[in-house]
Amino acid sequence: MTSLAGKFLVAKPVLQDPNFVQTVLLLLKHSDEGAFGLVVNQPAEAEGLPFPVYAGGPCPAPGLIMLHGQREWAAPEESDGPPGEVAPGIFIGDADCVSRVGDAPAHRPPRYRMFAGYSGWGPDQLERELAAGAWIVVPATGDLLFDTPVEDLWDRLCPPTTPKPSLN
């Protein structure tokens, strides 16, 4: 099995699960044991936080999960911190990264997103959905994630459908 970790999954129009209609997910882990990722294009309601929060998926998480595009914030490979780059220009953050958000210079705001919840699949579940044609796999990059407005991301990544000929 080839891992799809670090790729975007783009929901095709045939996917009607209300949790995933017109979503773009970033897969963070994918193995024989299952898959784990975050919906990256659904803003969530969050009160009392100084930053926007996105709904990472229907599975509850004990806290927030951070993705960022600040290479200088990434933990060295040999550290016990979060893993390195999960896709080109995309890193998983930790509490130290969250504390740096407010320290960023005004002329260069940090590239980050905070997520509540996640999306998960059991063994072979994602493979069955891919075989059924529910998802398109697209290379993920920090430029796509952080520089494309969330409301445009799905439209930008989902290929156009072929119009059906009229039977009239």
Protein backbone atom coordinates (compact mmCIF):
# COMPACT_ATOMS: atom_id res chain seq x y z
CA MET A 1 0.00 0.00 0.00
CA THR A 2 1.28 3.46 -0.90
CA SER A 3 0.70 6.03 1.83
CA LEU A 4 -1.28 9.11 0.87
CA ALA A 5 -0.10 11.07 3.93
CA GLY A 6 0.69 14.64 2.95
CA LYS A 7 -1.91 14.70 0.16
CA PHE A 8 -5.22 16.49 -0.14
CA LEU A 9 -8.39 14.43 -0.50
CA VAL A 10 -10.97 16.42 -2.42
CA ALA A 11 -14.57 15.26 -2.01
CA LYS A 12 -16.17 14.53 -5.37
CA PRO A 13 -19.74 15.75 -5.90
CA VAL A 14 -21.00 12.15 -5.52
CA LEU A 15 -19.93 12.15 -1.85
CA GLN A 16 -23.10 13.03 0.03
CA ASP A 17 -22.04 12.40 3.64
CA PRO A 18 -23.00 15.75 5.26
CA ASN A 19 -19.68 15.80 7.14
CA PHE A 20 -17.72 15.81 3.88
CA VAL A 21 -19.77 17.51 1.14
CA GLN A 22 -17.44 19.85 -0.79
CA THR A 23 -14.57 19.32 1.62
CA VAL A 24 -10.83 19.28 1.20
CA LEU A 25 -8.91 17.12 3.69
CA LEU A 26 -5.21 16.99 4.40
CA LEU A 27 -4.16 13.44 5.24
CA LEU A 28 -1.66 13.47 8.11
CA LYS A 29 -1.33 9.70 8.51
CA HIS A 30 -2.21 6.80 6.23
CA SER A 31 -1.20 3.18 6.78
CA ASP A 32 -2.60 -0.35 6.91
CA GLU A 33 -4.07 0.59 10.30
CA GLY A 34 -6.23 3.39 8.85
CA ALA A 35 -6.00 7.09 8.10
CA PHE A 36 -6.16 10.39 9.98
CA GLY A 37 -6.61 13.88 8.54
CA LEU A 38 -8.14 17.31 8.84
CA VAL A 39 -10.88 19.02 6.84
CA VAL A 40 -9.12 22.27 5.93
CA ASN A 41 -11.92 24.30 4.33
CA GLN A 42 -14.72 24.44 6.91
CA PRO A 43 -14.63 27.35 9.37
CA ALA A 44 -16.11 26.51 12.78
CA GLU A 45 -17.83 28.58 15.42
CA ALA A 46 -15.42 29.30 18.27
CA GLU A 47 -16.03 31.84 21.00
CA GLY A 48 -13.41 33.47 23.16
CA LEU A 49 -10.41 32.55 21.02
CA PRO A 50 -8.09 35.15 19.47
CA PHE A 51 -7.85 33.22 16.18
CA PRO A 52 -10.21 31.49 13.74
CA VAL A 53 -10.89 27.78 14.18
CA TYR A 54 -11.74 25.24 11.50
CA ALA A 55 -13.79 22.05 11.84
CA GLY A 56 -11.19 19.32 11.22
CA GLY A 57 -13.82 16.60 11.04
CA PRO A 58 -16.56 14.78 12.90
CA CYS A 59 -14.28 12.99 15.41
CA PRO A 60 -13.74 14.86 18.68
CA ALA A 61 -10.20 15.78 19.71
CA PRO A 62 -9.15 16.63 23.27
CA GLY A 63 -7.70 19.98 22.15
CA LEU A 64 -6.93 22.01 19.07
CA ILE A 65 -4.61 20.84 16.29
CA MET A 66 -2.38 23.40 14.57
CA LEU A 67 -1.04 23.38 11.03
CA HIS A 68 1.41 26.11 10.09
CA GLY A 69 3.64 27.20 7.26
CA GLN A 70 6.50 28.64 9.30
CA ARG A 71 9.60 26.53 8.57
CA GLU A 72 11.50 28.28 11.36
CA TRP A 73 8.93 27.03 13.92
CA ALA A 74 9.37 23.36 12.94
CA ALA A 75 10.99 21.11 15.53
CA PRO A 76 14.33 19.58 14.55
CA GLU A 77 13.98 16.00 13.31
CA GLU A 78 15.78 14.58 16.35
CA SER A 79 13.57 16.38 18.91
CA ASP A 80 10.56 15.01 20.80
CA GLY A 81 8.41 17.82 19.34
CA PRO A 82 5.83 17.54 16.58
CA PRO A 83 6.83 15.83 13.35
CA GLY A 84 8.48 17.82 10.60
CA GLU A 85 6.89 18.71 7.34
CA VAL A 86 3.69 16.76 6.58
CA ALA A 87 3.53 18.21 3.03
CA PRO A 88 5.67 20.83 1.28
CA GLY A 89 5.35 23.99 3.39
CA ILE A 90 2.91 22.45 5.94
CA PHE A 91 3.97 21.56 9.50
CA ILE A 92 2.14 20.32 12.61
CA GLY A 93 2.47 22.82 15.44
CA ASP A 94 2.69 22.51 19.20
CA ALA A 95 2.11 24.86 22.15
CA ASP A 96 5.39 26.65 21.40
CA CYS A 97 4.18 27.37 17.86
CA VAL A 98 0.84 28.68 19.15
CA SER A 99 2.68 31.09 21.46
CA ARG A 100 4.66 32.44 18.48
CA VAL A 101 1.53 33.51 16.55
CA GLY A 102 1.28 36.78 18.46
CA ASP A 103 5.00 37.49 18.05
CA ALA A 104 4.93 37.55 14.26
CA PRO A 105 5.75 40.89 12.62
CA ALA A 106 2.74 42.81 11.33
CA HIS A 107 4.22 43.06 7.83
CA ARG A 108 4.44 39.24 7.64
CA PRO A 109 1.50 37.61 9.42
CA PRO A 110 2.03 33.94 10.26
CA ARG A 111 0.57 31.23 8.07
CA TYR A 112 -1.39 28.90 10.33
CA ARG A 113 -4.76 27.29 10.97
CA MET A 114 -6.25 25.82 14.14
CA PHE A 115 -8.59 22.82 14.00
CA ALA A 116 -11.17 21.37 16.37
CA GLY A 117 -11.82 17.69 15.68
CA TYR A 118 -10.40 15.42 13.02
CA SER A 119 -11.38 12.89 10.37
CA GLY A 120 -10.49 9.23 10.80
CA TRP A 121 -10.81 5.99 8.86
CA GLY A 122 -10.38 2.40 10.01
CA PRO A 123 -8.34 -0.23 8.17
CA ASP A 124 -9.21 -0.29 4.44
CA GLN A 125 -12.10 2.18 4.91
CA LEU A 126 -10.44 5.01 2.97
CA GLU A 127 -9.29 2.58 0.26
CA ARG A 128 -12.92 1.48 -0.24
CA GLU A 129 -14.07 5.11 -0.50
CA LEU A 130 -11.30 5.86 -3.03
CA ALA A 131 -12.24 2.77 -5.08
CA ALA A 132 -15.89 3.93 -5.05
CA GLY A 133 -14.83 7.26 -6.56
CA ALA A 134 -15.70 9.44 -3.54
CA TRP A 135 -12.36 11.29 -3.40
CA ILE A 136 -9.76 12.80 -5.70
CA VAL A 137 -6.14 12.72 -4.46
CA VAL A 138 -4.24 15.98 -5.07
CA PRO A 139 -0.71 16.99 -4.00
CA ALA A 140 -0.85 19.32 -0.99
CA THR A 141 1.31 22.41 -0.53
CA GLY A 142 1.49 25.22 1.98
CA ASP A 143 0.81 27.72 -0.79
CA LEU A 144 -2.50 26.02 -1.65
CA LEU A 145 -3.52 25.62 2.00
CA PHE A 146 -2.58 29.04 3.33
CA ASP A 147 -2.87 31.29 0.26
CA THR A 148 -6.17 30.08 -1.22
CA PRO A 149 -9.28 31.51 0.46
CA VAL A 150 -11.07 28.65 2.24
CA GLU A 151 -14.29 29.34 0.34
CA ASP A 152 -12.42 28.83 -2.98
CA LEU A 153 -10.27 25.81 -2.12
CA TRP A 154 -12.72 23.04 -3.08
CA ASP A 155 -13.66 24.75 -6.37
CA ARG A 156 -9.98 25.23 -7.20
CA LEU A 157 -9.02 21.59 -6.54
CA CYS A 158 -12.09 19.67 -7.73
CA PRO A 159 -11.89 19.02 -11.47
CA PRO A 160 -14.91 20.08 -13.48
CA THR A 161 -17.47 17.39 -14.14
CA THR A 162 -18.32 16.36 -17.66
CA PRO A 163 -21.78 17.62 -18.57
CA LYS A 164 -24.28 14.89 -19.28
CA PRO A 165 -25.78 14.99 -22.77
CA SER A 166 -29.43 15.84 -23.03
CA LEU A 167 -31.71 12.97 -23.96
CA ASN A 168 -34.28 15.35 -25.48
